[in-house]
Amino acid sequence: MTQLWEHKVHDLLTKIEINVNDSTTDLQAEAVLLHEAIIAWCESKTPPSSKALLSVQEKLNSVLNIANSEKKDAFNSLRKHQKGNKAISAYKTHRVNKT
């Protein structure tokens, strides 16, 4: 039974890692499933070892780092776009006021 939970946890981690860049994927639902699988694994007759839990934690940290990087890149891109729009608006206003 432990192998089943371990396999399920690692499958969900892999799925989340693959889909972290996909804005159409419901990562919240996958995170809930992962949370439930980890709890079930820990409460099973043969819970995971500390080493197995550290492995899960390392993979989660890796996914979180990727997600944070993507979030930062998206924010910077939006900020550049916003600054560009402000510059264009200022230019247009300046041109209209000159005529």
C-alpha atoms as a PDB file:
ATOM      1  CA  MET A   1       0.000   0.000   0.000  1.00  0.00           C
ATOM      2  CA  THR A   2       2.865   2.371   0.744  1.00  0.00           C
ATOM      3  CA  GLN A   3       4.206   1.946  -2.759  1.00  0.00           C
ATOM      4  CA  LEU A   4       0.798   2.963  -4.083  1.00  0.00           C
ATOM      5  CA  TRP A   5       0.813   6.205  -2.084  1.00  0.00           C
ATOM      6  CA  GLU A   6       4.449   6.883  -2.851  1.00  0.00           C
ATOM      7  CA  HIS A   7       3.782   6.352  -6.547  1.00  0.00           C
ATOM      8  CA  LYS A   8       0.701   8.596  -6.421  1.00  0.00           C
ATOM      9  CA  VAL A   9       2.610  11.374  -4.620  1.00  0.00           C
ATOM     10  CA  HIS A  10       5.462  11.268  -7.132  1.00  0.00           C
ATOM     11  CA  ASP A  11       3.013  11.195 -10.076  1.00  0.00           C
ATOM     12  CA  LEU A  12       1.212  14.267  -8.729  1.00  0.00           C
ATOM     13  CA  LEU A  13       4.508  16.068  -8.116  1.00  0.00           C
ATOM     14  CA  THR A  14       5.595  15.339 -11.673  1.00  0.00           C
ATOM     15  CA  LYS A  15       2.247  16.491 -13.046  1.00  0.00           C
ATOM     16  CA  ILE A  16       2.448  19.753 -11.075  1.00  0.00           C
ATOM     17  CA  GLU A  17       6.052  20.296 -12.183  1.00  0.00           C
ATOM     18  CA  ILE A  18       5.089  19.823 -15.844  1.00  0.00           C
ATOM     19  CA  ASN A  19       2.005  22.043 -15.580  1.00  0.00           C
ATOM     20  CA  VAL A  20       3.481  24.865 -13.500  1.00  0.00           C
ATOM     21  CA  ASN A  21       4.011  26.955 -16.661  1.00  0.00           C
ATOM     22  CA  ASP A  22       0.553  26.221 -18.080  1.00  0.00           C
ATOM     23  CA  SER A  23      -1.875  28.954 -17.061  1.00  0.00           C
ATOM     24  CA  THR A  24      -4.893  26.825 -18.011  1.00  0.00           C
ATOM     25  CA  THR A  25      -4.097  24.038 -15.534  1.00  0.00           C
ATOM     26  CA  ASP A  26      -5.831  24.074 -12.155  1.00  0.00           C
ATOM     27  CA  LEU A  27      -2.769  23.699  -9.957  1.00  0.00           C
ATOM     28  CA  GLN A  28      -4.847  24.366  -6.848  1.00  0.00           C
ATOM     29  CA  ALA A  29      -6.844  21.176  -7.411  1.00  0.00           C
ATOM     30  CA  GLU A  30      -3.658  19.207  -8.048  1.00  0.00           C
ATOM     31  CA  ALA A  31      -2.103  20.659  -4.886  1.00  0.00           C
ATOM     32  CA  VAL A  32      -5.122  19.525  -2.854  1.00  0.00           C
ATOM     33  CA  LEU A  33      -4.832  16.016  -4.329  1.00  0.00           C
ATOM     34  CA  LEU A  34      -1.110  16.004  -3.505  1.00  0.00           C
ATOM     35  CA  HIS A  35      -1.805  17.138   0.046  1.00  0.00           C
ATOM     36  CA  GLU A  36      -4.379  14.375   0.518  1.00  0.00           C
ATOM     37  CA  ALA A  37      -2.038  11.752  -0.962  1.00  0.00           C
ATOM     38  CA  ILE A  38       0.807  12.787   1.357  1.00  0.00           C
ATOM     39  CA  ILE A  39      -1.491  12.603   4.384  1.00  0.00           C
ATOM     40  CA  ALA A  40      -2.781   9.167   3.339  1.00  0.00           C
ATOM     41  CA  TRP A  41       0.791   7.984   2.778  1.00  0.00           C
ATOM     42  CA  CYS A  42       1.894   9.245   6.197  1.00  0.00           C
ATOM     43  CA  GLU A  43      -1.128   7.632   7.886  1.00  0.00           C
ATOM     44  CA  SER A  44      -0.703   4.308   6.100  1.00  0.00           C
ATOM     45  CA  LYS A  45       0.529   1.187   7.896  1.00  0.00           C
ATOM     46  CA  THR A  46       4.005   1.794   6.505  1.00  0.00           C
ATOM     47  CA  PRO A  47       4.548   5.571   6.432  1.00  0.00           C
ATOM     48  CA  PRO A  48       7.322   7.166   4.386  1.00  0.00           C
ATOM     49  CA  SER A  49      10.830   7.430   5.713  1.00  0.00           C
ATOM     50  CA  SER A  50      12.404  10.763   6.511  1.00  0.00           C
ATOM     51  CA  LYS A  51      14.475  10.379   3.364  1.00  0.00           C
ATOM     52  CA  ALA A  52      11.339   9.912   1.238  1.00  0.00           C
ATOM     53  CA  LEU A  53       9.694  12.971   2.788  1.00  0.00           C
ATOM     54  CA  LEU A  54      12.842  15.032   2.201  1.00  0.00           C
ATOM     55  CA  SER A  55      12.758  13.960  -1.429  1.00  0.00           C
ATOM     56  CA  VAL A  56       9.139  15.136  -1.720  1.00  0.00           C
ATOM     57  CA  GLN A  57      10.045  18.414  -0.022  1.00  0.00           C
ATOM     58  CA  GLU A  58      12.981  19.000  -2.389  1.00  0.00           C
ATOM     59  CA  LYS A  59      10.790  18.417  -5.423  1.00  0.00           C
ATOM     60  CA  LEU A  60       8.108  20.749  -4.020  1.00  0.00           C
ATOM     61  CA  ASN A  61      10.756  23.421  -3.419  1.00  0.00           C
ATOM     62  CA  SER A  62      11.961  23.006  -6.991  1.00  0.00           C
ATOM     63  CA  VAL A  63       8.426  23.421  -8.344  1.00  0.00           C
ATOM     64  CA  LEU A  64       7.879  26.437  -6.095  1.00  0.00           C
ATOM     65  CA  ASN A  65      11.096  28.049  -7.362  1.00  0.00           C
ATOM     66  CA  ILE A  66       9.962  27.530 -10.961  1.00  0.00           C
ATOM     67  CA  ALA A  67       6.536  28.996 -10.183  1.00  0.00           C
ATOM     68  CA  ASN A  68       8.051  32.018  -8.438  1.00  0.00           C
ATOM     69  CA  SER A  69      10.409  32.599 -11.350  1.00  0.00           C
ATOM     70  CA  GLU A  70       7.512  32.433 -13.810  1.00  0.00           C
ATOM     71  CA  LYS A  71       5.495  34.819 -11.639  1.00  0.00           C
ATOM     72  CA  LYS A  72       8.399  37.277 -11.506  1.00  0.00           C
ATOM     73  CA  ASP A  73       8.911  37.090 -15.284  1.00  0.00           C
ATOM     74  CA  ALA A  74       5.190  37.662 -15.907  1.00  0.00           C
ATOM     75  CA  PHE A  75       5.161  40.626 -13.522  1.00  0.00           C
ATOM     76  CA  ASN A  76       8.210  42.191 -15.187  1.00  0.00           C
ATOM     77  CA  SER A  77       6.675  41.693 -18.614  1.00  0.00           C
ATOM     78  CA  LEU A  78       3.427  43.344 -17.534  1.00  0.00           C
ATOM     79  CA  ARG A  79       5.363  46.188 -15.945  1.00  0.00           C
ATOM     80  CA  LYS A  80       7.331  46.836 -19.169  1.00  0.00           C
ATOM     81  CA  HIS A  81       4.089  46.769 -21.120  1.00  0.00           C
ATOM     82  CA  GLN A  82       2.508  49.232 -18.719  1.00  0.00           C
ATOM     83  CA  LYS A  83       5.503  51.576 -18.922  1.00  0.00           C
ATOM     84  CA  GLY A  84       5.410  51.330 -22.710  1.00  0.00           C
ATOM     85  CA  ASN A  85       1.740  52.265 -22.779  1.00  0.00           C
ATOM     86  CA  LYS A  86       2.389  55.238 -20.487  1.00  0.00           C
ATOM     87  CA  ALA A  87       5.199  56.435 -22.760  1.00  0.00           C
ATOM     88  CA  ILE A  88       2.994  56.109 -25.842  1.00  0.00           C
ATOM     89  CA  SER A  89       0.164  57.990 -24.129  1.00  0.00           C
ATOM     90  CA  ALA A  90       2.539  60.758 -23.038  1.00  0.00           C
ATOM     91  CA  TYR A  91       3.935  61.014 -26.584  1.00  0.00           C
ATOM     92  CA  LYS A  92       0.448  61.213 -28.085  1.00  0.00           C
ATOM     93  CA  THR A  93      -0.617  63.838 -25.535  1.00  0.00           C
ATOM     94  CA  HIS A  94       2.521  65.848 -26.236  1.00  0.00           C
ATOM     95  CA  ARG A  95       1.915  65.698 -30.043  1.00  0.00           C
ATOM     96  CA  VAL A  96      -1.741  66.750 -29.647  1.00  0.00           C
ATOM     97  CA  ASN A  97      -0.743  69.693 -27.445  1.00  0.00           C
ATOM     98  CA  LYS A  98       1.865  70.851 -30.000  1.00  0.00           C
ATOM     99  CA  THR A  99      -0.681  71.163 -32.793  1.00  0.00           C
END
